[in-house]
Amino acid sequence: MENNIFALQYALDTFYFLIAGAFVMWMAAGFAMLEAGLVRSKNTAEILTKNVVLYALACTLYLAVGYQIMYGGGYFLSGITALDTDAVLAQFATREDGFSGAAIYSAAADFFFQAVFVATCMSIVSGAIAERMKLWVFLVFAIVMTGLIYPVSGSWGWGGKEVFGLYSLTENLAFKDFAGSGLVHLVGASAALAGVILLGPRLGKYNERGEVRAIPGANLPLATLGTFILWFGWFGFNGGSVLKLGDINSAHSVAVVFLNTNAAAAGGLLGALIISYLKFRKADLTMILNGALAGLVAITASPDTPTPVLAVLIGLVAGGLVVFSILLMDKFKLDDPVGAISVHGVAGILGLLVVPLSATETTFLGQLIGATTLFVWAFAASFVVWWILRKLFGLRVSANDEYQGADISECGIEAYPEFTNRT
């Protein structure tokens, strides 16, 4: 009878992990729709190609080498499909903590959940360098990012491994990043920032006097849909990071995480709405969408500990901050068409630094050192890779191809052919 109960818990926790991973996989669609809505129509097919191909690359490279670097367990996960039922039940039988202990679930479910996180990290990069980067150069970078750069940073924060002489952040600093404000979002934004610096702005974005020329996205309904998809997927992103569901405490923790995730997103949206109205006297939809995402990024570092009111306040600050960050990026002529660096980088840092407000086992210094470590590694490693790619192949499409649109030059197909007059 006891074995049957433990087997049921194993099945429930594994199933929950898989469903949460499917939620996170659906975020790939959210990034694709958001970015397709915020770029010009002549670059839509190319940005969609980036998003769908990077997902496949991320899953494959993480299978080949990334998971081994981050957690160990063998390249290509040999033997992961085998299941020793007696060994699993024996783990439960020898535990005194029963249901309340650490989760025990299928290793295959664990890999699937981790793999979709890698794709999320890489999706951040695609939007920031949109509309002027060569497709194949981007895909080569995606191989390095998903096969090496992300797994190394993940090993420090979640894998508990010493890679390149740096011990686990969690063991040495009491660093907390529950679901990846730093390990996923800040790392992705840091890689994107390095690419944007070396790539340069889009043609016509800034004039000779340094004034900013707004370049509107082609499809704001699509961008709004993408934001809602990401909001929805974030429940799996944060909720799945509880890692189990099969006992009272874990079920309650999942509910709290869902509640705080939603509260922070709402707070972020309202924060961006308020600041954009005060700055522009307009309800800027793109800022509002990015505000919601900033709230989601900020709460991701510790969605399990704040009160709902504190979660709203964290989101509110993140949403307001992202508006100022986007404007500051333009001051420095750092052209990010979708605001990804501000949303995932600035809000990611904020999320890490406010963790000690509710997680008493952490310290501000530990969180700051952890955030700095992740930024320095991801930015420096990415900068080197981008620089090598620029020397070997060049990063940008030609000026003529940029003017005509990357859809034709990179993909040979247009997303909206009926809108053009070609013979």
Protein backbone atom coordinates (compact mmCIF):
# COMPACT_ATOMS: atom_id res chain seq x y z
CA MET A 1 0.00 0.00 0.00
CA GLU A 2 2.79 2.41 0.94
CA ASN A 3 4.60 1.68 -2.32
CA ASN A 4 1.42 2.46 -4.24
CA ILE A 5 1.15 5.85 -2.51
CA PHE A 6 4.78 6.68 -3.27
CA ALA A 7 4.34 5.56 -6.88
CA LEU A 8 1.33 7.88 -7.15
CA GLN A 9 3.38 10.79 -5.81
CA TYR A 10 6.14 10.02 -8.34
CA ALA A 11 3.59 9.97 -11.14
CA LEU A 12 1.92 13.22 -9.98
CA ASP A 13 5.20 15.13 -9.62
CA THR A 14 6.44 13.87 -12.99
CA PHE A 15 3.17 14.81 -14.69
CA TYR A 16 3.22 18.27 -13.12
CA PHE A 17 6.80 18.78 -14.30
CA LEU A 18 5.85 17.82 -17.85
CA ILE A 19 2.81 20.10 -17.96
CA ALA A 20 4.86 22.99 -16.58
CA GLY A 21 7.48 22.34 -19.26
CA ALA A 22 4.78 22.40 -21.94
CA PHE A 23 3.68 25.80 -20.59
CA VAL A 24 7.25 27.08 -20.92
CA MET A 25 7.56 25.62 -24.41
CA TRP A 26 4.46 27.65 -25.35
CA MET A 27 6.44 30.77 -24.39
CA ALA A 28 8.41 30.21 -27.61
CA ALA A 29 5.21 31.12 -29.44
CA GLY A 30 4.86 34.17 -27.21
CA PHE A 31 8.34 35.44 -28.06
CA ALA A 32 7.74 34.77 -31.75
CA MET A 33 4.45 36.69 -31.78
CA LEU A 34 5.77 39.55 -29.64
CA GLU A 35 8.84 40.05 -31.80
CA ALA A 36 6.93 39.62 -35.06
CA GLY A 37 4.54 42.33 -33.90
CA LEU A 38 7.26 44.79 -32.90
CA VAL A 39 9.40 44.59 -36.05
CA ARG A 40 8.49 46.03 -39.43
CA SER A 41 6.51 43.85 -41.82
CA LYS A 42 9.50 43.42 -44.16
CA ASN A 43 11.38 41.55 -41.40
CA THR A 44 8.56 39.37 -40.07
CA ALA A 45 9.34 36.07 -41.82
CA GLU A 46 12.99 36.37 -40.80
CA ILE A 47 12.26 36.97 -37.10
CA LEU A 48 9.83 34.06 -37.09
CA THR A 49 12.48 31.85 -38.71
CA LYS A 50 14.95 32.83 -35.99
CA ASN A 51 12.52 31.92 -33.25
CA VAL A 52 11.47 28.54 -34.57
CA VAL A 53 15.01 27.47 -35.52
CA LEU A 54 16.58 28.65 -32.26
CA TYR A 55 14.09 26.51 -30.36
CA ALA A 56 15.20 23.41 -32.24
CA LEU A 57 18.87 24.31 -31.86
CA ALA A 58 18.49 24.98 -28.12
CA CYS A 59 16.84 21.63 -27.46
CA THR A 60 19.39 19.74 -29.55
CA LEU A 61 22.52 21.46 -28.19
CA TYR A 62 21.30 21.12 -24.62
CA LEU A 63 20.75 17.42 -25.26
CA ALA A 64 24.19 17.03 -26.84
CA VAL A 65 26.36 18.96 -24.37
CA GLY A 66 24.50 21.57 -22.33
CA TYR A 67 22.85 19.33 -19.77
CA GLN A 68 26.14 17.53 -19.14
CA ILE A 69 27.93 20.83 -18.48
CA MET A 70 25.17 22.09 -16.22
CA TYR A 71 24.27 18.98 -14.23
CA GLY A 72 26.38 16.04 -15.36
CA GLY A 73 24.80 12.75 -16.32
CA GLY A 74 26.44 11.87 -19.62
CA TYR A 75 26.44 13.38 -23.08
CA PHE A 76 23.31 12.69 -25.13
CA LEU A 77 21.67 11.48 -21.89
CA SER A 78 22.45 7.84 -22.51
CA GLY A 79 20.22 5.59 -20.42
CA ILE A 80 17.71 8.30 -19.52
CA THR A 81 14.87 6.36 -21.13
CA ALA A 82 15.43 3.36 -18.85
CA LEU A 83 13.43 3.14 -15.63
CA ASP A 84 14.23 0.98 -12.62
CA THR A 85 10.93 1.01 -10.74
CA ASP A 86 12.31 -0.86 -7.74
CA ALA A 87 15.15 1.68 -7.37
CA VAL A 88 12.70 4.58 -7.43
CA LEU A 89 10.48 3.01 -4.78
CA ALA A 90 13.56 2.18 -2.71
CA GLN A 91 14.41 5.88 -2.57
CA PHE A 92 11.04 6.56 -0.98
CA ALA A 93 11.28 3.59 1.37
CA THR A 94 14.57 4.76 2.89
CA ARG A 95 13.41 8.35 3.45
CA GLU A 96 12.10 9.51 6.77
CA ASP A 97 10.55 12.70 5.41
CA GLY A 98 7.94 10.90 3.31
CA PHE A 99 5.95 13.16 1.05
CA SER A 100 7.47 16.38 2.34
CA GLY A 101 11.03 15.69 1.16
CA ALA A 102 12.81 16.56 -2.04
CA ALA A 103 10.98 15.74 -5.24
CA ILE A 104 11.63 12.44 -7.00
CA TYR A 105 10.48 12.44 -10.59
CA SER A 106 11.45 11.10 -13.99
CA ALA A 107 14.89 12.22 -15.19
CA ALA A 108 13.39 12.60 -18.66
CA ALA A 109 10.85 15.09 -17.29
CA ASP A 110 13.64 17.02 -15.60
CA PHE A 111 15.59 17.29 -18.85
CA PHE A 112 12.54 18.43 -20.81
CA PHE A 113 11.79 21.16 -18.27
CA GLN A 114 15.40 22.36 -18.31
CA ALA A 115 15.65 22.32 -22.10
CA VAL A 116 12.74 24.69 -22.67
CA PHE A 117 14.41 27.16 -20.28
CA VAL A 118 17.44 27.25 -22.57
CA ALA A 119 15.23 28.16 -25.52
CA THR A 120 13.66 30.97 -23.48
CA CYS A 121 17.08 32.43 -22.72
CA MET A 122 18.05 32.42 -26.40
CA SER A 123 14.72 33.93 -27.48
CA ILE A 124 15.65 37.09 -25.57
CA VAL A 125 18.61 37.63 -27.88
CA SER A 126 16.66 37.34 -31.13
CA GLY A 127 14.47 40.39 -30.51
CA ALA A 128 17.26 42.74 -29.47
CA ILE A 129 19.30 42.24 -32.65
CA ALA A 130 16.29 42.16 -34.98
CA GLU A 131 16.06 43.73 -38.44
CA ARG A 132 19.77 43.98 -39.30
CA MET A 133 21.67 40.78 -38.40
CA LYS A 134 22.47 37.96 -40.79
CA LEU A 135 20.31 34.94 -40.05
CA TRP A 136 23.07 32.32 -40.26
CA VAL A 137 25.44 34.32 -38.04
CA PHE A 138 22.69 34.51 -35.43
CA LEU A 139 22.17 30.75 -35.60
CA VAL A 140 25.89 30.08 -35.15
CA PHE A 141 25.82 32.24 -32.03
CA ALA A 142 22.75 30.33 -30.83
CA ILE A 143 24.78 27.11 -30.97
CA VAL A 144 27.45 28.55 -28.67
CA MET A 145 24.93 30.25 -26.39
CA THR A 146 22.78 27.18 -25.81
CA GLY A 147 25.62 24.66 -25.82
CA LEU A 148 28.09 26.52 -23.60
CA ILE A 149 27.37 30.03 -22.31
CA TYR A 150 23.99 29.35 -20.70
CA PRO A 151 24.89 25.90 -19.30
CA VAL A 152 28.02 27.26 -17.62
CA SER A 153 26.11 30.03 -15.83
CA GLY A 154 23.35 27.57 -14.99
CA SER A 155 25.88 25.21 -13.42
CA TRP A 156 26.94 27.93 -10.97
CA GLY A 157 23.45 28.80 -9.85
CA TRP A 158 21.46 25.56 -10.14
CA GLY A 159 23.81 22.74 -11.06
CA GLY A 160 25.98 22.87 -7.94
CA LYS A 161 29.11 22.31 -10.05
CA GLU A 162 32.51 23.96 -10.26
CA VAL A 163 33.04 25.11 -13.84
CA PHE A 164 35.99 27.30 -14.86
CA GLY A 165 37.07 27.51 -11.23
CA LEU A 166 33.88 29.11 -9.92
CA TYR A 167 31.91 27.22 -7.30
CA SER A 168 28.16 27.11 -7.12
CA LEU A 169 26.68 30.51 -6.34
CA THR A 170 24.05 28.92 -4.15
CA GLU A 171 26.58 27.15 -1.95
CA ASN A 172 29.01 30.02 -1.43
CA LEU A 173 26.79 33.12 -1.41
CA ALA A 174 23.37 31.89 -0.29
CA PHE A 175 22.36 33.25 -3.70
CA LYS A 176 18.73 32.68 -4.63
CA ASP A 177 17.28 32.72 -8.12
CA PHE A 178 14.16 30.60 -7.85
CA ALA A 179 13.23 30.39 -11.53
CA GLY A 180 15.78 32.48 -13.40
CA SER A 181 15.58 36.28 -13.17
CA GLY A 182 19.36 36.16 -13.45
CA LEU A 183 20.22 32.69 -14.71
CA VAL A 184 17.84 32.90 -17.65
CA HIS A 185 16.75 36.49 -18.22
CA LEU A 186 19.83 38.48 -17.20
CA VAL A 187 22.09 36.01 -19.01
CA GLY A 188 20.03 36.33 -22.19
CA ALA A 189 19.93 40.13 -21.94
CA SER A 190 23.70 40.31 -21.34
CA ALA A 191 24.35 38.28 -24.49
CA ALA A 192 21.95 40.52 -26.38
CA LEU A 193 23.67 43.69 -25.12
CA ALA A 194 27.05 42.47 -26.37
CA GLY A 195 25.51 41.77 -29.77
CA VAL A 196 23.77 45.15 -29.98
CA ILE A 197 27.00 47.03 -29.14
CA LEU A 198 28.97 45.30 -31.91
CA LEU A 199 26.09 45.27 -34.39
CA GLY A 200 25.12 48.93 -34.25
CA PRO A 201 21.68 50.51 -34.69
CA ARG A 202 19.27 50.08 -37.56
CA LEU A 203 19.66 52.46 -40.48
CA GLY A 204 17.76 55.68 -39.79
CA LYS A 205 17.16 54.98 -36.09
CA TYR A 206 19.31 57.96 -35.00
CA ASN A 207 20.06 61.05 -37.04
CA GLU A 208 23.33 62.99 -37.15
CA ARG A 209 22.27 65.11 -34.19
CA GLY A 210 21.64 61.98 -32.13
CA GLU A 211 17.87 62.40 -32.14
CA VAL A 212 15.79 59.25 -31.96
CA ARG A 213 13.50 58.29 -34.81
CA ALA A 214 10.71 56.00 -33.71
CA ILE A 215 10.36 52.90 -35.90
CA PRO A 216 6.91 51.44 -35.13
CA GLY A 217 6.21 47.74 -35.19
CA ALA A 218 3.99 46.36 -37.91
CA ASN A 219 1.40 44.49 -35.87
CA LEU A 220 0.54 45.57 -32.33
CA PRO A 221 -2.36 43.09 -32.04
CA LEU A 222 0.19 40.33 -32.62
CA ALA A 223 2.56 41.85 -30.04
CA THR A 224 -0.28 41.99 -27.52
CA LEU A 225 -1.16 38.37 -28.18
CA GLY A 226 2.49 37.44 -27.69
CA THR A 227 2.52 39.19 -24.33
CA PHE A 228 -0.55 37.30 -23.14
CA ILE A 229 1.01 34.00 -24.29
CA LEU A 230 4.17 34.80 -22.34
CA TRP A 231 2.11 35.78 -19.29
CA PHE A 232 0.30 32.46 -19.52
CA GLY A 233 3.49 30.46 -20.03
CA TRP A 234 5.11 32.14 -17.03
CA PHE A 235 2.86 30.16 -14.69
CA GLY A 236 4.73 27.07 -15.86
CA PHE A 237 8.06 28.89 -15.79
CA ASN A 238 7.71 29.89 -12.13
CA GLY A 239 5.19 27.32 -10.94
CA GLY A 240 7.13 24.39 -12.37
CA SER A 241 10.24 25.57 -10.53
CA VAL A 242 8.63 24.43 -7.27
CA LEU A 243 9.58 21.01 -8.74
CA LYS A 244 6.77 19.02 -7.15
CA LEU A 245 3.06 19.02 -6.36
CA GLY A 246 2.40 15.77 -4.51
CA ASP A 247 2.23 17.00 -0.91
CA ILE A 248 0.36 19.71 1.00
CA ASN A 249 3.28 22.12 1.39
CA SER A 250 4.30 21.90 -2.25
CA ALA A 251 0.75 22.35 -3.50
CA HIS A 252 0.41 25.47 -1.36
CA SER A 253 3.76 26.76 -2.63
CA VAL A 254 2.62 26.30 -6.23
CA ALA A 255 -0.54 28.29 -5.51
CA VAL A 256 1.47 31.11 -3.91
CA VAL A 257 3.85 31.21 -6.88
CA PHE A 258 0.95 31.43 -9.33
CA LEU A 259 -0.66 34.19 -7.27
CA ASN A 260 2.52 36.27 -6.98
CA THR A 261 3.48 35.76 -10.62
CA ASN A 262 0.14 37.12 -11.76
CA ALA A 263 0.21 39.97 -9.22
CA ALA A 264 3.68 41.12 -10.31
CA ALA A 265 2.71 41.08 -13.98
CA ALA A 266 -0.34 43.22 -13.25
CA GLY A 267 1.77 45.57 -11.15
CA GLY A 268 4.37 45.85 -13.91
CA LEU A 269 1.74 46.72 -16.47
CA LEU A 270 0.25 49.41 -14.24
CA GLY A 271 3.69 50.80 -13.40
CA ALA A 272 4.55 51.20 -17.08
CA LEU A 273 1.15 52.72 -17.79
CA ILE A 274 1.58 55.34 -15.07
CA ILE A 275 5.14 56.30 -16.03
CA SER A 276 4.43 56.38 -19.77
CA TYR A 277 1.45 58.65 -19.19
CA LEU A 278 3.49 60.97 -16.96
CA LYS A 279 6.28 61.06 -19.55
CA PHE A 280 4.32 61.19 -22.79
CA ARG A 281 0.74 61.99 -21.77
CA LYS A 282 -0.19 58.88 -23.74
CA ALA A 283 -0.96 55.28 -22.88
CA ASP A 284 1.93 53.80 -24.90
CA LEU A 285 0.93 50.20 -25.68
CA THR A 286 4.46 48.97 -26.33
CA MET A 287 5.62 50.31 -22.97
CA ILE A 288 2.61 48.76 -21.25
CA LEU A 289 3.34 45.34 -22.77
CA ASN A 290 6.98 45.56 -21.76
CA GLY A 291 5.92 46.66 -18.28
CA ALA A 292 3.92 43.47 -17.77
CA LEU A 293 6.88 41.39 -18.92
CA ALA A 294 9.24 43.34 -16.66
CA GLY A 295 7.02 42.53 -13.68
CA LEU A 296 7.14 38.86 -14.62
CA VAL A 297 10.93 38.90 -14.96
CA ALA A 298 11.41 40.68 -11.62
CA ILE A 299 9.23 38.30 -9.58
CA THR A 300 10.88 35.23 -11.11
CA ALA A 301 13.86 35.39 -8.72
CA SER A 302 11.66 34.67 -5.69
CA PRO A 303 7.95 34.20 -6.41
CA ASP A 304 7.49 31.86 -3.46
CA THR A 305 8.26 34.22 -0.56
CA PRO A 306 6.72 37.71 -1.02
CA THR A 307 3.25 38.63 0.11
CA PRO A 308 0.89 39.40 -2.79
CA VAL A 309 1.11 43.11 -1.96
CA LEU A 310 4.90 43.01 -2.13
CA ALA A 311 4.68 41.12 -5.42
CA VAL A 312 2.52 43.91 -6.86
CA LEU A 313 5.00 46.53 -5.64
CA ILE A 314 7.95 44.64 -7.15
CA GLY A 315 6.11 44.53 -10.45
CA LEU A 316 5.11 48.19 -10.17
CA VAL A 317 8.74 49.28 -9.74
CA ALA A 318 9.93 46.99 -12.53
CA GLY A 319 7.30 48.28 -14.93
CA GLY A 320 8.17 51.90 -14.24
CA LEU A 321 11.89 51.22 -14.39
CA VAL A 322 11.70 49.54 -17.78
CA VAL A 323 10.26 52.72 -19.35
CA PHE A 324 13.22 54.77 -18.15
CA SER A 325 15.63 52.02 -19.23
CA ILE A 326 14.26 51.93 -22.79
CA LEU A 327 14.64 55.71 -23.04
CA LEU A 328 18.17 55.53 -21.61
CA MET A 329 19.13 52.86 -24.15
CA ASP A 330 18.24 55.30 -26.91
CA LYS A 331 20.35 58.00 -25.23
CA PHE A 332 23.35 55.71 -25.69
CA LYS A 333 22.24 54.76 -29.21
CA LEU A 334 21.78 51.12 -28.25
CA ASP A 335 19.04 50.04 -30.64
CA ASP A 336 16.86 47.29 -29.20
CA PRO A 337 13.71 47.05 -31.36
CA VAL A 338 11.64 45.14 -28.79
CA GLY A 339 13.08 46.44 -25.50
CA ALA A 340 14.43 42.99 -24.57
CA ILE A 341 17.57 44.21 -22.81
CA SER A 342 15.58 46.53 -20.57
CA VAL A 343 12.85 43.99 -19.83
CA HIS A 344 15.04 40.99 -19.17
CA GLY A 345 18.28 42.65 -18.07
CA VAL A 346 17.29 45.64 -15.95
CA ALA A 347 14.20 43.96 -14.49
CA GLY A 348 16.24 40.78 -14.00
CA ILE A 349 18.79 42.65 -11.89
CA LEU A 350 16.01 44.32 -9.92
CA GLY A 351 14.40 40.95 -9.27
CA LEU A 352 17.62 39.52 -7.88
CA LEU A 353 18.33 42.51 -5.65
CA VAL A 354 14.87 42.60 -4.02
CA VAL A 355 14.95 38.90 -3.06
CA PRO A 356 16.22 39.68 0.51
CA LEU A 357 13.05 41.70 1.15
CA SER A 358 11.17 38.43 1.60
CA ALA A 359 13.74 35.60 1.56
CA THR A 360 15.47 35.97 4.91
CA GLU A 361 18.20 33.42 4.15
CA THR A 362 19.66 35.70 1.44
CA THR A 363 21.66 38.93 1.62
CA PHE A 364 21.82 41.95 -0.64
CA LEU A 365 25.59 41.52 -1.06
CA GLY A 366 25.23 37.88 -2.02
CA GLN A 367 22.56 38.71 -4.58
CA LEU A 368 24.65 41.58 -5.97
CA ILE A 369 27.74 39.41 -6.35
CA GLY A 370 25.65 36.71 -8.00
CA ALA A 371 24.09 39.16 -10.46
CA THR A 372 27.49 40.66 -11.27
CA THR A 373 29.02 37.23 -11.84
CA LEU A 374 26.26 36.23 -14.24
CA PHE A 375 26.43 39.52 -16.15
CA VAL A 376 30.22 39.53 -16.50
CA TRP A 377 30.35 35.93 -17.70
CA ALA A 378 27.47 36.16 -20.17
CA PHE A 379 28.45 39.57 -21.53
CA ALA A 380 32.18 38.83 -21.86
CA ALA A 381 31.74 35.36 -23.37
CA SER A 382 29.09 36.60 -25.78
CA PHE A 383 31.13 39.65 -26.75
CA VAL A 384 34.05 37.41 -27.72
CA VAL A 385 31.81 35.13 -29.79
CA TRP A 386 30.06 38.04 -31.51
CA TRP A 387 33.44 39.69 -32.22
CA ILE A 388 34.84 36.52 -33.80
CA LEU A 389 31.72 36.14 -35.92
CA ARG A 390 31.99 39.77 -37.03
CA LYS A 391 35.60 39.24 -38.09
CA LEU A 392 34.88 36.00 -39.91
CA PHE A 393 31.52 36.67 -41.54
CA GLY A 394 30.26 40.12 -40.64
CA LEU A 395 27.21 40.57 -38.45
CA ARG A 396 25.02 42.84 -40.56
CA VAL A 397 23.14 42.37 -43.76
CA SER A 398 24.02 44.89 -46.47
CA ALA A 399 22.48 48.36 -46.40
CA ASN A 400 20.39 47.50 -49.46
CA ASP A 401 19.15 44.25 -47.92
CA GLU A 402 18.30 46.07 -44.70
CA TYR A 403 16.34 48.64 -46.69
CA GLN A 404 14.49 45.95 -48.67
CA GLY A 405 13.94 43.83 -45.58
CA ALA A 406 15.53 40.67 -44.25
CA ASP A 407 12.56 38.57 -45.36
CA ILE A 408 13.74 38.65 -48.98
CA SER A 409 17.51 38.59 -48.46
CA GLU A 410 17.61 35.98 -45.67
CA CYS A 411 14.51 33.84 -46.23
CA GLY A 412 13.46 34.46 -49.84
CA ILE A 413 9.85 34.81 -48.74
CA GLU A 414 7.67 37.60 -47.38
CA ALA A 415 5.29 37.35 -44.46
CA TYR A 416 2.86 39.82 -46.06
CA PRO A 417 3.40 39.56 -49.85
CA GLU A 418 0.07 41.22 -50.64
CA PHE A 419 1.31 44.45 -49.06
CA THR A 420 4.13 44.89 -51.59
CA ASN A 421 4.16 45.72 -55.27
CA ARG A 422 6.81 43.47 -56.78
CA THR A 423 6.96 42.16 -60.33
